[in-house]
């Protein structure tokens, strides 16, 4: 029986996931501290959001002393790949080219990012030739 699809992440939930992915593991206090640098947010709100992420299958926890240490239940790259795929399907009718053109035309890519993309495209092209 296939695993049920995880519910989509809101922007705030994705922010929390990014903190946990960056740190590997994090307590509610560490997540709250990182989020508080960006905007005013109560620790209680963060605690509720972390608990809900765990209930939805996004996070796991283990008890260390009297503190819960949270870790991601799914690797960042897999989650972001699925998120981008949904975005491409919904906003660009399945066209990855449309997404890339939007990024290029919107001036959202730095010269370094464009260079890394060129290298990745060349690598992908070479791998396709070898198949």
C-alpha atoms as a PDB file:
ATOM      1  CA  UNK A   1       0.000   0.000   0.000  1.00  0.00           C
ATOM      2  CA  UNK A   2       1.545   3.369  -0.997  1.00  0.00           C
ATOM      3  CA  UNK A   3       2.241   5.973   1.667  1.00  0.00           C
ATOM      4  CA  UNK A   4      -0.316   8.788   1.746  1.00  0.00           C
ATOM      5  CA  UNK A   5       0.867  12.078   0.255  1.00  0.00           C
ATOM      6  CA  UNK A   6       2.106  14.551   2.853  1.00  0.00           C
ATOM      7  CA  UNK A   7       0.022  17.707   3.188  1.00  0.00           C
ATOM      8  CA  UNK A   8       1.584  20.733   1.472  1.00  0.00           C
ATOM      9  CA  UNK A   9       3.715  23.100   3.549  1.00  0.00           C
ATOM     10  CA  UNK A  10       2.642  26.681   4.126  1.00  0.00           C
ATOM     11  CA  UNK A  11       5.267  29.405   3.809  1.00  0.00           C
ATOM     12  CA  UNK A  12       5.655  29.560   7.612  1.00  0.00           C
ATOM     13  CA  UNK A  13       5.944  25.774   7.866  1.00  0.00           C
ATOM     14  CA  UNK A  14       8.567  25.727   5.118  1.00  0.00           C
ATOM     15  CA  UNK A  15      10.485  28.361   7.078  1.00  0.00           C
ATOM     16  CA  UNK A  16      10.523  26.041  10.101  1.00  0.00           C
ATOM     17  CA  UNK A  17      11.540  23.068   7.973  1.00  0.00           C
ATOM     18  CA  UNK A  18      14.437  25.070   6.515  1.00  0.00           C
ATOM     19  CA  UNK A  19      15.688  25.844  10.028  1.00  0.00           C
ATOM     20  CA  UNK A  20      15.502  22.171  11.009  1.00  0.00           C
ATOM     21  CA  UNK A  21      17.169  21.067   7.740  1.00  0.00           C
ATOM     22  CA  UNK A  22      19.934  23.649   8.211  1.00  0.00           C
ATOM     23  CA  UNK A  23      20.607  22.646  11.816  1.00  0.00           C
ATOM     24  CA  UNK A  24      19.993  18.904  11.453  1.00  0.00           C
ATOM     25  CA  UNK A  25      18.083  18.879  14.733  1.00  0.00           C
ATOM     26  CA  UNK A  26      16.484  21.715  16.669  1.00  0.00           C
ATOM     27  CA  UNK A  27      14.459  22.393  19.766  1.00  0.00           C
ATOM     28  CA  UNK A  28      11.368  24.591  19.718  1.00  0.00           C
ATOM     29  CA  UNK A  29      13.484  27.254  21.440  1.00  0.00           C
ATOM     30  CA  UNK A  30      16.117  27.157  18.685  1.00  0.00           C
ATOM     31  CA  UNK A  31      13.452  27.397  15.981  1.00  0.00           C
ATOM     32  CA  UNK A  32      11.762  30.277  17.807  1.00  0.00           C
ATOM     33  CA  UNK A  33      15.077  32.107  18.217  1.00  0.00           C
ATOM     34  CA  UNK A  34      15.862  31.787  14.489  1.00  0.00           C
ATOM     35  CA  UNK A  35      12.370  32.926  13.444  1.00  0.00           C
ATOM     36  CA  UNK A  36      12.373  35.808  15.951  1.00  0.00           C
ATOM     37  CA  UNK A  37      15.311  37.371  14.115  1.00  0.00           C
ATOM     38  CA  UNK A  38      12.992  37.846  11.120  1.00  0.00           C
ATOM     39  CA  UNK A  39       9.723  38.858  12.787  1.00  0.00           C
ATOM     40  CA  UNK A  40       7.880  38.993  16.104  1.00  0.00           C
ATOM     41  CA  UNK A  41       6.440  35.597  16.933  1.00  0.00           C
ATOM     42  CA  UNK A  42       5.462  34.024  20.235  1.00  0.00           C
ATOM     43  CA  UNK A  43       7.260  30.902  21.369  1.00  0.00           C
ATOM     44  CA  UNK A  44       3.846  29.309  21.931  1.00  0.00           C
ATOM     45  CA  UNK A  45       2.931  29.813  18.262  1.00  0.00           C
ATOM     46  CA  UNK A  46       6.193  28.199  17.163  1.00  0.00           C
ATOM     47  CA  UNK A  47       5.622  25.292  19.547  1.00  0.00           C
ATOM     48  CA  UNK A  48       2.142  24.726  18.087  1.00  0.00           C
ATOM     49  CA  UNK A  49       3.459  24.882  14.523  1.00  0.00           C
ATOM     50  CA  UNK A  50       6.270  22.411  15.274  1.00  0.00           C
ATOM     51  CA  UNK A  51       3.801  20.031  16.950  1.00  0.00           C
ATOM     52  CA  UNK A  52       1.493  20.219  13.924  1.00  0.00           C
ATOM     53  CA  UNK A  53       4.398  19.552  11.558  1.00  0.00           C
ATOM     54  CA  UNK A  54       5.144  16.433  13.557  1.00  0.00           C
ATOM     55  CA  UNK A  55       1.492  15.343  13.537  1.00  0.00           C
ATOM     56  CA  UNK A  56       1.409  15.768   9.745  1.00  0.00           C
ATOM     57  CA  UNK A  57       4.507  13.623   9.301  1.00  0.00           C
ATOM     58  CA  UNK A  58       7.053  16.327   8.479  1.00  0.00           C
ATOM     59  CA  UNK A  59       9.067  16.126  11.716  1.00  0.00           C
ATOM     60  CA  UNK A  60      10.158  13.473  14.231  1.00  0.00           C
ATOM     61  CA  UNK A  61      11.279  14.103  17.780  1.00  0.00           C
ATOM     62  CA  UNK A  62      13.321  12.393  20.435  1.00  0.00           C
ATOM     63  CA  UNK A  63      13.422  13.348  24.074  1.00  0.00           C
ATOM     64  CA  UNK A  64      16.758  14.543  25.431  1.00  0.00           C
ATOM     65  CA  UNK A  65      16.342  15.178  29.117  1.00  0.00           C
ATOM     66  CA  UNK A  66      13.145  17.192  29.363  1.00  0.00           C
ATOM     67  CA  UNK A  67      13.499  18.691  25.889  1.00  0.00           C
ATOM     68  CA  UNK A  68      12.274  17.482  22.519  1.00  0.00           C
ATOM     69  CA  UNK A  69      14.831  17.527  19.749  1.00  0.00           C
ATOM     70  CA  UNK A  70      13.153  17.685  16.328  1.00  0.00           C
ATOM     71  CA  UNK A  71      14.537  16.401  13.041  1.00  0.00           C
ATOM     72  CA  UNK A  72      13.145  16.318   9.521  1.00  0.00           C
ATOM     73  CA  UNK A  73      11.258  13.178   8.562  1.00  0.00           C
ATOM     74  CA  UNK A  74      12.036  13.778   4.875  1.00  0.00           C
ATOM     75  CA  UNK A  75      15.202  15.034   3.179  1.00  0.00           C
ATOM     76  CA  UNK A  76      15.202  18.636   1.962  1.00  0.00           C
ATOM     77  CA  UNK A  77      16.095  17.826  -1.647  1.00  0.00           C
ATOM     78  CA  UNK A  78      13.252  15.338  -2.035  1.00  0.00           C
ATOM     79  CA  UNK A  79      10.724  17.766  -0.542  1.00  0.00           C
ATOM     80  CA  UNK A  80      11.914  20.721  -2.621  1.00  0.00           C
ATOM     81  CA  UNK A  81      11.891  18.625  -5.803  1.00  0.00           C
ATOM     82  CA  UNK A  82       8.264  17.703  -5.142  1.00  0.00           C
ATOM     83  CA  UNK A  83       7.405  21.328  -4.317  1.00  0.00           C
ATOM     84  CA  UNK A  84       8.985  22.604  -7.552  1.00  0.00           C
ATOM     85  CA  UNK A  85       7.264  19.867  -9.561  1.00  0.00           C
ATOM     86  CA  UNK A  86       3.889  20.973  -8.149  1.00  0.00           C
ATOM     87  CA  UNK A  87       4.728  24.616  -8.912  1.00  0.00           C
ATOM     88  CA  UNK A  88       5.734  23.788 -12.495  1.00  0.00           C
ATOM     89  CA  UNK A  89       2.578  21.737 -13.012  1.00  0.00           C
ATOM     90  CA  UNK A  90       0.229  24.310 -11.473  1.00  0.00           C
ATOM     91  CA  UNK A  91       1.733  27.629 -12.574  1.00  0.00           C
ATOM     92  CA  UNK A  92       3.529  26.692 -15.810  1.00  0.00           C
ATOM     93  CA  UNK A  93       1.302  23.896 -17.197  1.00  0.00           C
ATOM     94  CA  UNK A  94       4.120  21.404 -16.680  1.00  0.00           C
ATOM     95  CA  UNK A  95       6.748  23.482 -18.487  1.00  0.00           C
ATOM     96  CA  UNK A  96      10.065  23.633 -16.625  1.00  0.00           C
ATOM     97  CA  UNK A  97      11.211  25.969 -19.399  1.00  0.00           C
ATOM     98  CA  UNK A  98       8.481  28.418 -18.352  1.00  0.00           C
ATOM     99  CA  UNK A  99       9.813  28.444 -14.801  1.00  0.00           C
ATOM    100  CA  UNK A 100      13.406  29.003 -15.905  1.00  0.00           C
ATOM    101  CA  UNK A 101      12.404  31.755 -18.367  1.00  0.00           C
ATOM    102  CA  UNK A 102      10.438  33.495 -15.620  1.00  0.00           C
ATOM    103  CA  UNK A 103      13.486  33.406 -13.345  1.00  0.00           C
ATOM    104  CA  UNK A 104      15.757  34.696 -16.105  1.00  0.00           C
ATOM    105  CA  UNK A 105      13.400  37.440 -17.263  1.00  0.00           C
ATOM    106  CA  UNK A 106      12.638  38.530 -13.711  1.00  0.00           C
ATOM    107  CA  UNK A 107      16.305  39.171 -12.999  1.00  0.00           C
ATOM    108  CA  UNK A 108      16.166  36.879  -9.979  1.00  0.00           C
ATOM    109  CA  UNK A 109      19.365  34.981 -10.816  1.00  0.00           C
ATOM    110  CA  UNK A 110      22.834  36.207  -9.936  1.00  0.00           C
ATOM    111  CA  UNK A 111      25.776  35.704 -12.294  1.00  0.00           C
ATOM    112  CA  UNK A 112      27.073  32.943  -9.984  1.00  0.00           C
ATOM    113  CA  UNK A 113      23.717  31.172 -10.037  1.00  0.00           C
ATOM    114  CA  UNK A 114      23.557  31.373 -13.827  1.00  0.00           C
ATOM    115  CA  UNK A 115      27.063  29.923 -14.094  1.00  0.00           C
ATOM    116  CA  UNK A 116      26.183  27.024 -11.779  1.00  0.00           C
ATOM    117  CA  UNK A 117      23.032  26.364 -13.812  1.00  0.00           C
ATOM    118  CA  UNK A 118      25.071  26.314 -17.040  1.00  0.00           C
ATOM    119  CA  UNK A 119      27.440  23.751 -15.526  1.00  0.00           C
ATOM    120  CA  UNK A 120      24.513  21.597 -14.335  1.00  0.00           C
ATOM    121  CA  UNK A 121      22.857  21.792 -17.772  1.00  0.00           C
ATOM    122  CA  UNK A 122      26.074  20.757 -19.483  1.00  0.00           C
ATOM    123  CA  UNK A 123      26.469  17.853 -17.058  1.00  0.00           C
ATOM    124  CA  UNK A 124      22.871  16.721 -17.635  1.00  0.00           C
ATOM    125  CA  UNK A 125      23.322  17.005 -21.392  1.00  0.00           C
ATOM    126  CA  UNK A 126      26.505  14.888 -21.252  1.00  0.00           C
ATOM    127  CA  UNK A 127      24.775  12.260 -19.136  1.00  0.00           C
ATOM    128  CA  UNK A 128      21.893  12.081 -21.627  1.00  0.00           C
ATOM    129  CA  UNK A 129      24.351  11.526 -24.480  1.00  0.00           C
ATOM    130  CA  UNK A 130      25.990   8.664 -22.577  1.00  0.00           C
ATOM    131  CA  UNK A 131      22.699   6.793 -22.127  1.00  0.00           C
END
